[in-house]
């Protein structure tokens, strides 16, 4: 399903009838990136966030994904930033 190398994945969060994780992966062109993957609770296969019915890459607030994913990101922000190679000092300048 995925050609990229996943460097880090958050623990799953259950939102309604679905589980979600956030991956940090490396793209050959863009470098380190993040993306969400989801699946129905009990399913085996994780699906890309783009397969979510309300996905909208032009929606800057939520991307058409569940709003609670922002909370999940902030809960694991330090580990995500470390996997991305971002330090706390970067935000100061």
C-alpha atoms as a PDB file:
ATOM      1  CA  UNK A   1       0.000   0.000   0.000  1.00  0.00           C
ATOM      2  CA  UNK A   2       2.717   2.490   0.924  1.00  0.00           C
ATOM      3  CA  UNK A   3       6.045   2.867  -0.828  1.00  0.00           C
ATOM      4  CA  UNK A   4       7.522   5.280   1.692  1.00  0.00           C
ATOM      5  CA  UNK A   5       9.493   4.327   4.781  1.00  0.00           C
ATOM      6  CA  UNK A   6       7.491   5.071   7.928  1.00  0.00           C
ATOM      7  CA  UNK A   7       9.775   6.463  10.629  1.00  0.00           C
ATOM      8  CA  UNK A   8       7.245   6.867  13.441  1.00  0.00           C
ATOM      9  CA  UNK A   9       3.566   6.171  14.085  1.00  0.00           C
ATOM     10  CA  UNK A  10       1.404   7.441  16.923  1.00  0.00           C
ATOM     11  CA  UNK A  11      -0.631   5.009  19.006  1.00  0.00           C
ATOM     12  CA  UNK A  12      -4.131   4.550  17.552  1.00  0.00           C
ATOM     13  CA  UNK A  13      -6.988   6.785  18.692  1.00  0.00           C
ATOM     14  CA  UNK A  14     -10.578   5.571  18.433  1.00  0.00           C
ATOM     15  CA  UNK A  15     -13.047   8.137  17.124  1.00  0.00           C
ATOM     16  CA  UNK A  16     -16.533   6.707  16.804  1.00  0.00           C
ATOM     17  CA  UNK A  17     -16.321   3.523  14.763  1.00  0.00           C
ATOM     18  CA  UNK A  18     -12.842   4.250  13.367  1.00  0.00           C
ATOM     19  CA  UNK A  19      -9.236   4.105  14.541  1.00  0.00           C
ATOM     20  CA  UNK A  20      -6.679   6.647  13.385  1.00  0.00           C
ATOM     21  CA  UNK A  21      -2.885   6.926  13.493  1.00  0.00           C
ATOM     22  CA  UNK A  22      -0.511   9.645  12.328  1.00  0.00           C
ATOM     23  CA  UNK A  23       2.610   8.551  10.450  1.00  0.00           C
ATOM     24  CA  UNK A  24       5.872  10.393   9.963  1.00  0.00           C
ATOM     25  CA  UNK A  25       7.429   9.163   6.740  1.00  0.00           C
ATOM     26  CA  UNK A  26      10.120  10.214   4.290  1.00  0.00           C
ATOM     27  CA  UNK A  27       9.329  11.158   0.717  1.00  0.00           C
ATOM     28  CA  UNK A  28      12.202  11.160  -1.797  1.00  0.00           C
ATOM     29  CA  UNK A  29      11.239  14.588  -3.124  1.00  0.00           C
ATOM     30  CA  UNK A  30       9.725  16.453  -0.149  1.00  0.00           C
ATOM     31  CA  UNK A  31      11.632  14.877   2.743  1.00  0.00           C
ATOM     32  CA  UNK A  32       9.909  14.097   6.067  1.00  0.00           C
ATOM     33  CA  UNK A  33       6.104  14.423   6.021  1.00  0.00           C
ATOM     34  CA  UNK A  34       3.070  13.418   8.070  1.00  0.00           C
ATOM     35  CA  UNK A  35      -0.209  11.772   7.119  1.00  0.00           C
ATOM     36  CA  UNK A  36      -3.164  10.180   8.845  1.00  0.00           C
ATOM     37  CA  UNK A  37      -4.375   6.654   8.194  1.00  0.00           C
ATOM     38  CA  UNK A  38      -7.684   5.275   9.385  1.00  0.00           C
ATOM     39  CA  UNK A  39      -9.651   2.062   9.489  1.00  0.00           C
ATOM     40  CA  UNK A  40     -12.943   0.822  10.837  1.00  0.00           C
ATOM     41  CA  UNK A  41     -12.475  -0.731  14.290  1.00  0.00           C
ATOM     42  CA  UNK A  42     -11.792  -4.432  13.740  1.00  0.00           C
ATOM     43  CA  UNK A  43     -10.561  -4.053  10.155  1.00  0.00           C
ATOM     44  CA  UNK A  44      -7.046  -5.155   9.296  1.00  0.00           C
ATOM     45  CA  UNK A  45      -6.179  -2.759   6.459  1.00  0.00           C
ATOM     46  CA  UNK A  46      -5.298   0.872   7.166  1.00  0.00           C
ATOM     47  CA  UNK A  47      -6.528   3.344   4.552  1.00  0.00           C
ATOM     48  CA  UNK A  48      -4.934   6.607   3.470  1.00  0.00           C
ATOM     49  CA  UNK A  49      -6.582   9.778   4.723  1.00  0.00           C
ATOM     50  CA  UNK A  50      -7.425  10.578   1.093  1.00  0.00           C
ATOM     51  CA  UNK A  51      -9.898   7.683   1.094  1.00  0.00           C
ATOM     52  CA  UNK A  52     -11.971   9.279   3.890  1.00  0.00           C
ATOM     53  CA  UNK A  53     -15.384  10.278   2.411  1.00  0.00           C
ATOM     54  CA  UNK A  54     -15.153  13.967   3.414  1.00  0.00           C
ATOM     55  CA  UNK A  55     -11.408  14.369   2.709  1.00  0.00           C
ATOM     56  CA  UNK A  56     -10.642  17.796   1.232  1.00  0.00           C
ATOM     57  CA  UNK A  57      -7.018  18.819   0.739  1.00  0.00           C
ATOM     58  CA  UNK A  58      -8.151  22.440   0.258  1.00  0.00           C
ATOM     59  CA  UNK A  59      -9.717  22.593   3.740  1.00  0.00           C
ATOM     60  CA  UNK A  60      -6.939  24.148   5.793  1.00  0.00           C
ATOM     61  CA  UNK A  61      -8.677  23.628   9.137  1.00  0.00           C
ATOM     62  CA  UNK A  62      -9.285  19.883   9.173  1.00  0.00           C
ATOM     63  CA  UNK A  63      -8.621  18.595   5.656  1.00  0.00           C
ATOM     64  CA  UNK A  64     -12.128  17.157   5.810  1.00  0.00           C
ATOM     65  CA  UNK A  65     -10.971  14.681   8.464  1.00  0.00           C
ATOM     66  CA  UNK A  66     -12.428  14.325  11.984  1.00  0.00           C
ATOM     67  CA  UNK A  67     -11.727  17.414  14.117  1.00  0.00           C
ATOM     68  CA  UNK A  68     -10.500  15.325  17.056  1.00  0.00           C
ATOM     69  CA  UNK A  69      -7.415  14.361  15.049  1.00  0.00           C
ATOM     70  CA  UNK A  70      -6.017  17.809  15.877  1.00  0.00           C
ATOM     71  CA  UNK A  71      -6.187  16.883  19.567  1.00  0.00           C
ATOM     72  CA  UNK A  72      -4.422  13.607  18.784  1.00  0.00           C
ATOM     73  CA  UNK A  73      -1.665  15.490  16.948  1.00  0.00           C
ATOM     74  CA  UNK A  74      -1.121  17.935  19.819  1.00  0.00           C
ATOM     75  CA  UNK A  75      -1.053  15.100  22.339  1.00  0.00           C
ATOM     76  CA  UNK A  76       1.865  13.492  20.457  1.00  0.00           C
ATOM     77  CA  UNK A  77       3.397  16.686  19.096  1.00  0.00           C
ATOM     78  CA  UNK A  78       6.816  16.323  20.755  1.00  0.00           C
ATOM     79  CA  UNK A  79       7.373  12.823  19.349  1.00  0.00           C
ATOM     80  CA  UNK A  80       6.106  13.862  15.907  1.00  0.00           C
ATOM     81  CA  UNK A  81       8.395  16.896  15.799  1.00  0.00           C
ATOM     82  CA  UNK A  82      11.346  14.784  16.915  1.00  0.00           C
ATOM     83  CA  UNK A  83      10.645  12.263  14.146  1.00  0.00           C
ATOM     84  CA  UNK A  84      10.381  15.145  11.644  1.00  0.00           C
ATOM     85  CA  UNK A  85      13.690  16.556  12.865  1.00  0.00           C
ATOM     86  CA  UNK A  86      12.112  19.763  14.178  1.00  0.00           C
ATOM     87  CA  UNK A  87      13.465  21.149  17.442  1.00  0.00           C
ATOM     88  CA  UNK A  88      11.694  23.496  19.841  1.00  0.00           C
ATOM     89  CA  UNK A  89      14.347  26.134  19.020  1.00  0.00           C
ATOM     90  CA  UNK A  90      13.141  26.243  15.408  1.00  0.00           C
ATOM     91  CA  UNK A  91       9.899  27.933  16.461  1.00  0.00           C
ATOM     92  CA  UNK A  92      11.721  30.757  18.196  1.00  0.00           C
ATOM     93  CA  UNK A  93      13.272  32.163  15.031  1.00  0.00           C
END
